[in-house]
Amino acid sequence: MRKRFADGWCAAFTRASLEGEPDVYLLGLGIVLLILKWLAIGPAADWSWWIVIVPFIAAALWWEWADWSGYTKRKAMEKDDQQRLDRINRQRDALNQKRRSAPPRGR
């Protein structure tokens, strides 16, 4: 169970970082600063805990804004449309038909 959770979390983290989502970068920075502060490494050892926590607060604010503005839903719909288009194009390739370049309009 624990390995499956870790695999899922790592895969989601890697996928999001490849897509360039700001929240992943903020979380990564927060984790690095947290480890540096916790282990008292470098200049982070002398910083206030508030400086270390700021990236986590910024990530939470990003998530709140993304949900409020519809950004999350829009990205999910774009991903669904692209998956649908890929599925249609795979089927068209199997039938030796011309590929579609955009999702169908009737949706």
PDB file of N, CA and C in Angstrom:
ATOM      1  N   MET A   1       0.831  -1.197   0.000  1.00  0.00           N
ATOM      2  CA  MET A   1       0.000   0.000   0.000  1.00  0.00           C
ATOM      3  C   MET A   1       0.876   1.261   0.000  1.00  0.00           C
ATOM      4  N   ARG A   2       1.893   1.261   0.857  1.00  0.00           N
ATOM      5  CA  ARG A   2       2.739   2.437   0.966  1.00  0.00           C
ATOM      6  C   ARG A   2       3.515   2.681  -0.325  1.00  0.00           C
ATOM      7  N   LYS A   3       4.031   1.611  -0.939  1.00  0.00           N
ATOM      8  CA  LYS A   3       4.782   1.755  -2.183  1.00  0.00           C
ATOM      9  C   LYS A   3       3.871   2.286  -3.288  1.00  0.00           C
ATOM     10  N   ARG A   4       2.650   1.784  -3.366  1.00  0.00           N
ATOM     11  CA  ARG A   4       1.719   2.242  -4.391  1.00  0.00           C
ATOM     12  C   ARG A   4       1.421   3.729  -4.215  1.00  0.00           C
ATOM     13  N   PHE A   5       1.258   4.176  -2.970  1.00  0.00           N
ATOM     14  CA  PHE A   5       1.025   5.597  -2.709  1.00  0.00           C
ATOM     15  C   PHE A   5       2.230   6.421  -3.145  1.00  0.00           C
ATOM     16  N   ALA A   6       3.429   5.947  -2.793  1.00  0.00           N
ATOM     17  CA  ALA A   6       4.645   6.681  -3.152  1.00  0.00           C
ATOM     18  C   ALA A   6       4.821   6.732  -4.662  1.00  0.00           C
ATOM     19  N   ASP A   7       4.553   5.630  -5.348  1.00  0.00           N
ATOM     20  CA  ASP A   7       4.669   5.618  -6.807  1.00  0.00           C
ATOM     21  C   ASP A   7       3.687   6.594  -7.433  1.00  0.00           C
ATOM     22  N   GLY A   8       2.473   6.614  -6.937  1.00  0.00           N
ATOM     23  CA  GLY A   8       1.465   7.535  -7.472  1.00  0.00           C
ATOM     24  C   GLY A   8       1.832   8.984  -7.207  1.00  0.00           C
ATOM     25  N   TRP A   9       2.304   9.268  -6.005  1.00  0.00           N
ATOM     26  CA  TRP A   9       2.667  10.637  -5.659  1.00  0.00           C
ATOM     27  C   TRP A   9       3.849  11.104  -6.485  1.00  0.00           C
ATOM     28  N   CYS A  10       4.874  10.252  -6.606  1.00  0.00           N
ATOM     29  CA  CYS A  10       6.062  10.631  -7.376  1.00  0.00           C
ATOM     30  C   CYS A  10       5.716  10.832  -8.844  1.00  0.00           C
ATOM     31  N   ALA A  11       4.874   9.963  -9.384  1.00  0.00           N
ATOM     32  CA  ALA A  11       4.478  10.095 -10.783  1.00  0.00           C
ATOM     33  C   ALA A  11       3.703  11.389 -11.002  1.00  0.00           C
ATOM     34  N   ALA A  12       2.797  11.705 -10.089  1.00  0.00           N
ATOM     35  CA  ALA A  12       2.022  12.941 -10.219  1.00  0.00           C
ATOM     36  C   ALA A  12       2.929  14.151 -10.083  1.00  0.00           C
ATOM     37  N   PHE A  13       3.864  14.116  -9.160  1.00  0.00           N
ATOM     38  CA  PHE A  13       4.793  15.227  -8.953  1.00  0.00           C
ATOM     39  C   PHE A  13       5.648  15.438 -10.197  1.00  0.00           C
ATOM     40  N   THR A  14       6.168  14.348 -10.767  1.00  0.00           N
ATOM     41  CA  THR A  14       7.012  14.445 -11.961  1.00  0.00           C
ATOM     42  C   THR A  14       6.204  14.937 -13.150  1.00  0.00           C
ATOM     43  N   ARG A  15       4.999  14.410 -13.339  1.00  0.00           N
ATOM     44  CA  ARG A  15       4.151  14.819 -14.462  1.00  0.00           C
ATOM     45  C   ARG A  15       3.826  16.306 -14.369  1.00  0.00           C
ATOM     46  N   ALA A  16       3.482  16.773 -13.168  1.00  0.00           N
ATOM     47  CA  ALA A  16       3.154  18.187 -12.995  1.00  0.00           C
ATOM     48  C   ALA A  16       4.368  19.064 -13.203  1.00  0.00           C
ATOM     49  N   SER A  17       5.541  18.614 -12.764  1.00  0.00           N
ATOM     50  CA  SER A  17       6.726  19.438 -12.946  1.00  0.00           C
ATOM     51  C   SER A  17       7.104  19.517 -14.417  1.00  0.00           C
ATOM     52  N   LEU A  18       6.837  18.464 -15.175  1.00  0.00           N
ATOM     53  CA  LEU A  18       7.118  18.501 -16.602  1.00  0.00           C
ATOM     54  C   LEU A  18       6.157  19.426 -17.329  1.00  0.00           C
ATOM     55  N   GLU A  19       4.954  19.577 -16.800  1.00  0.00           N
ATOM     56  CA  GLU A  19       3.965  20.464 -17.411  1.00  0.00           C
ATOM     57  C   GLU A  19       4.205  21.917 -17.030  1.00  0.00           C
ATOM     58  N   GLY A  20       5.091  22.175 -16.085  1.00  0.00           N
ATOM     59  CA  GLY A  20       5.456  23.539 -15.734  1.00  0.00           C
ATOM     60  C   GLY A  20       4.489  24.247 -14.806  1.00  0.00           C
ATOM     61  N   GLU A  21       3.794  23.511 -13.965  1.00  0.00           N
ATOM     62  CA  GLU A  21       2.857  24.133 -13.035  1.00  0.00           C
ATOM     63  C   GLU A  21       3.634  24.815 -11.903  1.00  0.00           C
ATOM     64  N   PRO A  22       3.293  26.065 -11.588  1.00  0.00           N
ATOM     65  CA  PRO A  22       4.034  26.815 -10.564  1.00  0.00           C
ATOM     66  C   PRO A  22       3.964  26.196  -9.175  1.00  0.00           C
ATOM     67  N   ASP A  23       2.852  25.537  -8.844  1.00  0.00           N
ATOM     68  CA  ASP A  23       2.725  24.982  -7.508  1.00  0.00           C
ATOM     69  C   ASP A  23       3.770  23.911  -7.234  1.00  0.00           C
ATOM     70  N   VAL A  24       4.155  23.163  -8.243  1.00  0.00           N
ATOM     71  CA  VAL A  24       5.158  22.115  -8.058  1.00  0.00           C
ATOM     72  C   VAL A  24       6.515  22.735  -7.769  1.00  0.00           C
ATOM     73  N   TYR A  25       6.842  23.792  -8.461  1.00  0.00           N
ATOM     74  CA  TYR A  25       8.115  24.469  -8.201  1.00  0.00           C
ATOM     75  C   TYR A  25       8.126  25.069  -6.800  1.00  0.00           C
ATOM     76  N   LEU A  26       7.001  25.637  -6.382  1.00  0.00           N
ATOM     77  CA  LEU A  26       6.922  26.206  -5.040  1.00  0.00           C
ATOM     78  C   LEU A  26       7.061  25.121  -3.979  1.00  0.00           C
ATOM     79  N   LEU A  27       6.416  23.981  -4.193  1.00  0.00           N
ATOM     80  CA  LEU A  27       6.534  22.889  -3.236  1.00  0.00           C
ATOM     81  C   LEU A  27       7.964  22.344  -3.196  1.00  0.00           C
ATOM     82  N   GLY A  28       8.582  22.208  -4.359  1.00  0.00           N
ATOM     83  CA  GLY A  28       9.965  21.738  -4.406  1.00  0.00           C
ATOM     84  C   GLY A  28      10.903  22.675  -3.663  1.00  0.00           C
ATOM     85  N   LEU A  29      10.738  23.971  -3.905  1.00  0.00           N
ATOM     86  CA  LEU A  29      11.555  24.965  -3.200  1.00  0.00           C
ATOM     87  C   LEU A  29      11.308  24.901  -1.700  1.00  0.00           C
ATOM     88  N   GLY A  30      10.041  24.765  -1.324  1.00  0.00           N
ATOM     89  CA  GLY A  30       9.707  24.669   0.097  1.00  0.00           C
ATOM     90  C   GLY A  30      10.326  23.453   0.757  1.00  0.00           C
ATOM     91  N   ILE A  31      10.311  22.326   0.068  1.00  0.00           N
ATOM     92  CA  ILE A  31      10.897  21.103   0.623  1.00  0.00           C
ATOM     93  C   ILE A  31      12.411  21.253   0.786  1.00  0.00           C
ATOM     94  N   VAL A  32      13.060  21.842  -0.229  1.00  0.00           N
ATOM     95  CA  VAL A  32      14.510  22.048  -0.142  1.00  0.00           C
ATOM     96  C   VAL A  32      14.841  22.987   1.020  1.00  0.00           C
ATOM     97  N   LEU A  33      14.118  24.094   1.131  1.00  0.00           N
ATOM     98  CA  LEU A  33      14.376  25.027   2.235  1.00  0.00           C
ATOM     99  C   LEU A  33      14.098  24.388   3.588  1.00  0.00           C
ATOM    100  N   LEU A  34      13.043  23.590   3.656  1.00  0.00           N
ATOM    101  CA  LEU A  34      12.708  22.911   4.906  1.00  0.00           C
ATOM    102  C   LEU A  34      13.820  21.956   5.325  1.00  0.00           C
ATOM    103  N   ILE A  35      14.345  21.191   4.375  1.00  0.00           N
ATOM    104  CA  ILE A  35      15.439  20.260   4.688  1.00  0.00           C
ATOM    105  C   ILE A  35      16.692  21.024   5.106  1.00  0.00           C
ATOM    106  N   LEU A  36      17.007  22.108   4.370  1.00  0.00           N
ATOM    107  CA  LEU A  36      18.187  22.906   4.726  1.00  0.00           C
ATOM    108  C   LEU A  36      18.056  23.499   6.127  1.00  0.00           C
ATOM    109  N   LYS A  37      16.881  24.000   6.451  1.00  0.00           N
ATOM    110  CA  LYS A  37      16.651  24.587   7.781  1.00  0.00           C
ATOM    111  C   LYS A  37      16.700  23.504   8.856  1.00  0.00           C
ATOM    112  N   TRP A  38      16.048  22.389   8.607  1.00  0.00           N
ATOM    113  CA  TRP A  38      15.969  21.308   9.589  1.00  0.00           C
ATOM    114  C   TRP A  38      17.354  20.753   9.914  1.00  0.00           C
ATOM    115  N   LEU A  39      18.188  20.602   8.863  1.00  0.00           N
ATOM    116  CA  LEU A  39      19.526  20.050   9.065  1.00  0.00           C
ATOM    117  C   LEU A  39      20.574  21.126   9.357  1.00  0.00           C
ATOM    118  N   ALA A  40      20.148  22.378   9.416  1.00  0.00           N
ATOM    119  CA  ALA A  40      21.031  23.515   9.714  1.00  0.00           C
ATOM    120  C   ALA A  40      22.210  23.571   8.743  1.00  0.00           C
ATOM    121  N   ILE A  41      21.878  23.567   7.466  1.00  0.00           N
ATOM    122  CA  ILE A  41      22.889  23.609   6.412  1.00  0.00           C
ATOM    123  C   ILE A  41      22.884  24.992   5.776  1.00  0.00           C
ATOM    124  N   GLY A  42      24.074  25.574   5.643  1.00  0.00           N
ATOM    125  CA  GLY A  42      24.222  26.837   4.926  1.00  0.00           C
ATOM    126  C   GLY A  42      23.512  28.000   5.589  1.00  0.00           C
ATOM    127  N   PRO A  43      23.209  29.032   4.777  1.00  0.00           N
ATOM    128  CA  PRO A  43      22.583  30.236   5.340  1.00  0.00           C
ATOM    129  C   PRO A  43      21.152  30.003   5.812  1.00  0.00           C
ATOM    130  N   ALA A  44      20.520  28.941   5.338  1.00  0.00           N
ATOM    131  CA  ALA A  44      19.137  28.657   5.751  1.00  0.00           C
ATOM    132  C   ALA A  44      19.047  28.365   7.241  1.00  0.00           C
ATOM    133  N   ALA A  45      20.133  27.954   7.847  1.00  0.00           N
ATOM    134  CA  ALA A  45      20.129  27.657   9.281  1.00  0.00           C
ATOM    135  C   ALA A  45      19.829  28.905  10.112  1.00  0.00           C
ATOM    136  N   ASP A  46      20.216  30.078   9.605  1.00  0.00           N
ATOM    137  CA  ASP A  46      20.012  31.319  10.356  1.00  0.00           C
ATOM    138  C   ASP A  46      18.699  32.018  10.022  1.00  0.00           C
ATOM    139  N   TRP A  47      17.982  31.540   9.020  1.00  0.00           N
ATOM    140  CA  TRP A  47      16.742  32.178   8.603  1.00  0.00           C
ATOM    141  C   TRP A  47      15.609  31.871   9.572  1.00  0.00           C
ATOM    142  N   SER A  48      14.641  32.764   9.565  1.00  0.00           N
ATOM    143  CA  SER A  48      13.436  32.541  10.350  1.00  0.00           C
ATOM    144  C   SER A  48      12.612  31.421   9.692  1.00  0.00           C
ATOM    145  N   TRP A  49      11.820  30.747  10.515  1.00  0.00           N
ATOM    146  CA  TRP A  49      10.961  29.694   9.972  1.00  0.00           C
ATOM    147  C   TRP A  49       9.939  30.273   9.002  1.00  0.00           C
ATOM    148  N   TRP A  50       9.579  31.531   9.161  1.00  0.00           N
ATOM    149  CA  TRP A  50       8.602  32.152   8.257  1.00  0.00           C
ATOM    150  C   TRP A  50       9.115  32.178   6.820  1.00  0.00           C
ATOM    151  N   ILE A  51      10.401  32.415   6.641  1.00  0.00           N
ATOM    152  CA  ILE A  51      10.982  32.426   5.291  1.00  0.00           C
ATOM    153  C   ILE A  51      10.910  31.033   4.669  1.00  0.00           C
ATOM    154  N   VAL A  52      11.107  30.026   5.489  1.00  0.00           N
ATOM    155  CA  VAL A  52      11.065  28.645   5.005  1.00  0.00           C
ATOM    156  C   VAL A  52       9.633  28.241   4.640  1.00  0.00           C
ATOM    157  N   ILE A  53       8.658  28.770   5.345  1.00  0.00           N
ATOM    158  CA  ILE A  53       7.261  28.391   5.136  1.00  0.00           C
ATOM    159  C   ILE A  53       6.616  29.148   3.964  1.00  0.00           C
ATOM    160  N   VAL A  54       7.180  30.275   3.563  1.00  0.00           N
ATOM    161  CA  VAL A  54       6.587  31.110   2.512  1.00  0.00           C
ATOM    162  C   VAL A  54       6.263  30.337   1.225  1.00  0.00           C
ATOM    163  N   PRO A  55       7.144  29.460   0.693  1.00  0.00           N
ATOM    164  CA  PRO A  55       6.769  28.738  -0.529  1.00  0.00           C
ATOM    165  C   PRO A  55       5.533  27.849  -0.360  1.00  0.00           C
ATOM    166  N   PHE A  56       5.351  27.264   0.824  1.00  0.00           N
ATOM    167  CA  PHE A  56       4.162  26.443   1.066  1.00  0.00           C
ATOM    168  C   PHE A  56       2.897  27.304   1.090  1.00  0.00           C
ATOM    169  N   ILE A  57       2.999  28.481   1.686  1.00  0.00           N
ATOM    170  CA  ILE A  57       1.865  29.408   1.720  1.00  0.00           C
ATOM    171  C   ILE A  57       1.538  29.864   0.299  1.00  0.00           C
ATOM    172  N   ALA A  58       2.578  30.166  -0.488  1.00  0.00           N
ATOM    173  CA  ALA A  58       2.363  30.592  -1.876  1.00  0.00           C
ATOM    174  C   ALA A  58       1.715  29.479  -2.691  1.00  0.00           C
ATOM    175  N   ALA A  59       2.109  28.227  -2.474  1.00  0.00           N
ATOM    176  CA  ALA A  59       1.493  27.103  -3.186  1.00  0.00           C
ATOM    177  C   ALA A  59       0.020  26.971  -2.808  1.00  0.00           C
ATOM    178  N   ALA A  60      -0.288  27.140  -1.523  1.00  0.00           N
ATOM    179  CA  ALA A  60      -1.685  27.059  -1.086  1.00  0.00           C
ATOM    180  C   ALA A  60      -2.507  28.187  -1.708  1.00  0.00           C
ATOM    181  N   LEU A  61      -1.931  29.379  -1.769  1.00  0.00           N
ATOM    182  CA  LEU A  61      -2.628  30.496  -2.411  1.00  0.00           C
ATOM    183  C   LEU A  61      -2.826  30.234  -3.898  1.00  0.00           C
ATOM    184  N   TRP A  62      -1.829  29.644  -4.558  1.00  0.00           N
ATOM    185  CA  TRP A  62      -1.953  29.300  -5.981  1.00  0.00           C
ATOM    186  C   TRP A  62      -3.098  28.309  -6.190  1.00  0.00           C
ATOM    187  N   TRP A  63      -3.163  27.274  -5.350  1.00  0.00           N
ATOM    188  CA  TRP A  63      -4.238  26.287  -5.482  1.00  0.00           C
ATOM    189  C   TRP A  63      -5.594  26.942  -5.295  1.00  0.00           C
ATOM    190  N   GLU A  64      -5.683  27.815  -4.321  1.00  0.00           N
ATOM    191  CA  GLU A  64      -6.968  28.495  -4.062  1.00  0.00           C
ATOM    192  C   GLU A  64      -7.370  29.354  -5.258  1.00  0.00           C
ATOM    193  N   TRP A  65      -6.425  30.116  -5.806  1.00  0.00           N
ATOM    194  CA  TRP A  65      -6.724  30.948  -6.969  1.00  0.00           C
ATOM    195  C   TRP A  65      -7.090  30.089  -8.180  1.00  0.00           C
ATOM    196  N   ALA A  66      -6.347  29.006  -8.386  1.00  0.00           N
ATOM    197  CA  ALA A  66      -6.591  28.140  -9.547  1.00  0.00           C
ATOM    198  C   ALA A  66      -7.990  27.536  -9.478  1.00  0.00           C
ATOM    199  N   ASP A  67      -8.431  27.145  -8.306  1.00  0.00           N
ATOM    200  CA  ASP A  67      -9.785  26.605  -8.167  1.00  0.00           C
ATOM    201  C   ASP A  67     -10.841  27.698  -8.322  1.00  0.00           C
ATOM    202  N   TRP A  68     -10.587  28.857  -7.733  1.00  0.00           N
ATOM    203  CA  TRP A  68     -11.544  29.953  -7.790  1.00  0.00           C
ATOM    204  C   TRP A  68     -11.731  30.474  -9.218  1.00  0.00           C
ATOM    205  N   SER A  69     -10.633  30.589  -9.961  1.00  0.00           N
ATOM    206  CA  SER A  69     -10.691  31.191 -11.296  1.00  0.00           C
ATOM    207  C   SER A  69     -11.136  30.221 -12.386  1.00  0.00           C
ATOM    208  N   GLY A  70     -11.182  28.918 -12.075  1.00  0.00           N
ATOM    209  CA  GLY A  70     -11.543  27.938 -13.082  1.00  0.00           C
ATOM    210  C   GLY A  70     -10.356  27.401 -13.853  1.00  0.00           C
ATOM    211  N   TYR A  71      -9.157  27.810 -13.480  1.00  0.00           N
ATOM    212  CA  TYR A  71      -7.944  27.367 -14.166  1.00  0.00           C
ATOM    213  C   TYR A  71      -7.809  25.840 -14.102  1.00  0.00           C
ATOM    214  N   THR A  72      -8.051  25.272 -12.934  1.00  0.00           N
ATOM    215  CA  THR A  72      -7.923  23.827 -12.753  1.00  0.00           C
ATOM    216  C   THR A  72      -8.901  23.080 -13.645  1.00  0.00           C
ATOM    217  N   LYS A  73     -10.145  23.517 -13.661  1.00  0.00           N
ATOM    218  CA  LYS A  73     -11.173  22.864 -14.475  1.00  0.00           C
ATOM    219  C   LYS A  73     -10.856  23.000 -15.961  1.00  0.00           C
ATOM    220  N   ARG A  74     -10.407  24.169 -16.365  1.00  0.00           N
ATOM    221  CA  ARG A  74     -10.070  24.407 -17.777  1.00  0.00           C
ATOM    222  C   ARG A  74      -8.925  23.500 -18.222  1.00  0.00           C
ATOM    223  N   LYS A  75      -7.901  23.371 -17.384  1.00  0.00           N
ATOM    224  CA  LYS A  75      -6.768  22.494 -17.718  1.00  0.00           C
ATOM    225  C   LYS A  75      -7.221  21.039 -17.787  1.00  0.00           C
ATOM    226  N   ALA A  76      -8.105  20.630 -16.890  1.00  0.00           N
ATOM    227  CA  ALA A  76      -8.610  19.256 -16.918  1.00  0.00           C
ATOM    228  C   ALA A  76      -9.413  19.007 -18.190  1.00  0.00           C
ATOM    229  N   MET A  77     -10.203  19.989 -18.608  1.00  0.00           N
ATOM    230  CA  MET A  77     -10.991  19.839 -19.836  1.00  0.00           C
ATOM    231  C   MET A  77     -10.078  19.786 -21.062  1.00  0.00           C
ATOM    232  N   GLU A  78      -9.029  20.602 -21.077  1.00  0.00           N
ATOM    233  CA  GLU A  78      -8.077  20.563 -22.193  1.00  0.00           C
ATOM    234  C   GLU A  78      -7.387  19.208 -22.270  1.00  0.00           C
ATOM    235  N   LYS A  79      -7.037  18.659 -21.115  1.00  0.00           N
ATOM    236  CA  LYS A  79      -6.392  17.345 -21.081  1.00  0.00           C
ATOM    237  C   LYS A  79      -7.354  16.273 -21.593  1.00  0.00           C
ATOM    238  N   ASP A  80      -8.620  16.327 -21.166  1.00  0.00           N
ATOM    239  CA  ASP A  80      -9.617  15.365 -21.636  1.00  0.00           C
ATOM    240  C   ASP A  80      -9.820  15.475 -23.143  1.00  0.00           C
ATOM    241  N   ASP A  81      -9.898  16.703 -23.646  1.00  0.00           N
ATOM    242  CA  ASP A  81     -10.068  16.903 -25.088  1.00  0.00           C
ATOM    243  C   ASP A  81      -8.879  16.354 -25.870  1.00  0.00           C
ATOM    244  N   GLN A  82      -7.667  16.564 -25.346  1.00  0.00           N
ATOM    245  CA  GLN A  82      -6.489  16.057 -26.037  1.00  0.00           C
ATOM    246  C   GLN A  82      -6.458  14.530 -26.025  1.00  0.00           C
ATOM    247  N   GLN A  83      -6.837  13.926 -24.912  1.00  0.00           N
ATOM    248  CA  GLN A  83      -6.881  12.467 -24.837  1.00  0.00           C
ATOM    249  C   GLN A  83      -7.924  11.917 -25.820  1.00  0.00           C
ATOM    250  N   ARG A  84      -9.053  12.590 -25.915  1.00  0.00           N
ATOM    251  CA  ARG A  84     -10.103  12.174 -26.849  1.00  0.00           C
ATOM    252  C   ARG A  84      -9.597  12.283 -28.290  1.00  0.00           C
ATOM    253  N   LEU A  85      -8.932  13.384 -28.606  1.00  0.00           N
ATOM    254  CA  LEU A  85      -8.393  13.568 -29.953  1.00  0.00           C
ATOM    255  C   LEU A  85      -7.342  12.510 -30.270  1.00  0.00           C
ATOM    256  N   ASP A  86      -6.491  12.204 -29.314  1.00  0.00           N
ATOM    257  CA  ASP A  86      -5.477  11.168 -29.528  1.00  0.00           C
ATOM    258  C   ASP A  86      -6.129   9.817 -29.786  1.00  0.00           C
ATOM    259  N   ARG A  87      -7.179   9.504 -29.019  1.00  0.00           N
ATOM    260  CA  ARG A  87      -7.894   8.240 -29.212  1.00  0.00           C
ATOM    261  C   ARG A  87      -8.528   8.180 -30.595  1.00  0.00           C
ATOM    262  N   ILE A  88      -9.151   9.281 -31.028  1.00  0.00           N
ATOM    263  CA  ILE A  88      -9.770   9.337 -32.357  1.00  0.00           C
ATOM    264  C   ILE A  88      -8.710   9.176 -33.436  1.00  0.00           C
ATOM    265  N   ASN A  89      -7.576   9.833 -33.271  1.00  0.00           N
ATOM    266  CA  ASN A  89      -6.511   9.744 -34.274  1.00  0.00           C
ATOM    267  C   ASN A  89      -5.903   8.341 -34.339  1.00  0.00           C
ATOM    268  N   ARG A  90      -5.800   7.675 -33.194  1.00  0.00           N
ATOM    269  CA  ARG A  90      -5.318   6.286 -33.221  1.00  0.00           C
ATOM    270  C   ARG A  90      -6.278   5.400 -34.011  1.00  0.00           C
ATOM    271  N   GLN A  91      -7.571   5.615 -33.804  1.00  0.00           N
ATOM    272  CA  GLN A  91      -8.567   4.831 -34.536  1.00  0.00           C
ATOM    273  C   GLN A  91      -8.537   5.166 -36.018  1.00  0.00           C
ATOM    274  N   ARG A  92      -8.361   6.435 -36.345  1.00  0.00           N
ATOM    275  CA  ARG A  92      -8.278   6.842 -37.756  1.00  0.00           C
ATOM    276  C   ARG A  92      -7.028   6.283 -38.426  1.00  0.00           C
ATOM    277  N   ASP A  93      -5.928   6.244 -37.687  1.00  0.00           N
ATOM    278  CA  ASP A  93      -4.706   5.654 -38.232  1.00  0.00           C
ATOM    279  C   ASP A  93      -4.912   4.172 -38.533  1.00  0.00           C
ATOM    280  N   ALA A  94      -5.616   3.488 -37.640  1.00  0.00           N
ATOM    281  CA  ALA A  94      -5.876   2.062 -37.850  1.00  0.00           C
ATOM    282  C   ALA A  94      -6.744   1.831 -39.087  1.00  0.00           C
ATOM    283  N   LEU A  95      -7.592   2.806 -39.416  1.00  0.00           N
ATOM    284  CA  LEU A  95      -8.471   2.707 -40.591  1.00  0.00           C
ATOM    285  C   LEU A  95      -7.877   3.395 -41.818  1.00  0.00           C
ATOM    286  N   ASN A  96      -6.633   3.890 -41.697  1.00  0.00           N
ATOM    287  CA  ASN A  96      -5.945   4.610 -42.781  1.00  0.00           C
ATOM    288  C   ASN A  96      -6.736   5.833 -43.249  1.00  0.00           C
ATOM    289  N   GLN A  97      -7.270   6.572 -42.294  1.00  0.00           N
ATOM    290  CA  GLN A  97      -7.992   7.806 -42.600  1.00  0.00           C
ATOM    291  C   GLN A  97      -7.151   9.002 -42.169  1.00  0.00           C
ATOM    292  N   LYS A  98      -7.546  10.189 -42.657  1.00  0.00           N
ATOM    293  CA  LYS A  98      -6.839  11.427 -42.330  1.00  0.00           C
ATOM    294  C   LYS A  98      -7.014  11.767 -40.845  1.00  0.00           C
ATOM    295  N   ARG A  99      -5.922  12.194 -40.215  1.00  0.00           N
ATOM    296  CA  ARG A  99      -5.952  12.559 -38.798  1.00  0.00           C
ATOM    297  C   ARG A  99      -6.652  13.895 -38.591  1.00  0.00           C
ATOM    298  N   ARG A 100      -7.265  14.063 -37.422  1.00  0.00           N
ATOM    299  CA  ARG A 100      -7.867  15.345 -37.052  1.00  0.00           C
ATOM    300  C   ARG A 100      -6.817  16.175 -36.325  1.00  0.00           C
ATOM    301  N   SER A 101      -6.874  17.481 -36.538  1.00  0.00           N
ATOM    302  CA  SER A 101      -5.905  18.346 -35.860  1.00  0.00           C
ATOM    303  C   SER A 101      -6.505  19.070 -34.666  1.00  0.00           C
ATOM    304  N   ALA A 102      -7.820  19.062 -34.553  1.00  0.00           N
ATOM    305  CA  ALA A 102      -8.484  19.734 -33.441  1.00  0.00           C
ATOM    306  C   ALA A 102      -9.630  18.845 -32.952  1.00  0.00           C
ATOM    307  N   PRO A 103     -10.021  19.013 -31.692  1.00  0.00           N
ATOM    308  CA  PRO A 103     -11.141  18.213 -31.177  1.00  0.00           C
ATOM    309  C   PRO A 103     -12.422  18.506 -31.962  1.00  0.00           C
ATOM    310  N   PRO A 104     -13.326  17.537 -32.039  1.00  0.00           N
ATOM    311  CA  PRO A 104     -14.591  17.766 -32.739  1.00  0.00           C
ATOM    312  C   PRO A 104     -15.390  18.876 -32.108  1.00  0.00           C
ATOM    313  N   ARG A 105     -16.154  19.596 -32.908  1.00  0.00           N
ATOM    314  CA  ARG A 105     -16.882  20.783 -32.459  1.00  0.00           C
ATOM    315  C   ARG A 105     -18.161  20.464 -31.679  1.00  0.00           C
ATOM    316  N   GLY A 106     -18.754  19.324 -31.871  1.00  0.00           N
ATOM    317  CA  GLY A 106     -20.062  19.034 -31.290  1.00  0.00           C
ATOM    318  C   GLY A 106     -20.055  18.827 -29.800  1.00  0.00           C
ATOM    319  N   ARG A 107     -18.972  19.039 -29.141  1.00  0.00           N
ATOM    320  CA  ARG A 107     -18.882  18.725 -27.731  1.00  0.00           C
ATOM    321  C   ARG A 107     -19.057  19.898 -26.841  1.00  0.00           C
TER     322      ARG A 107
END
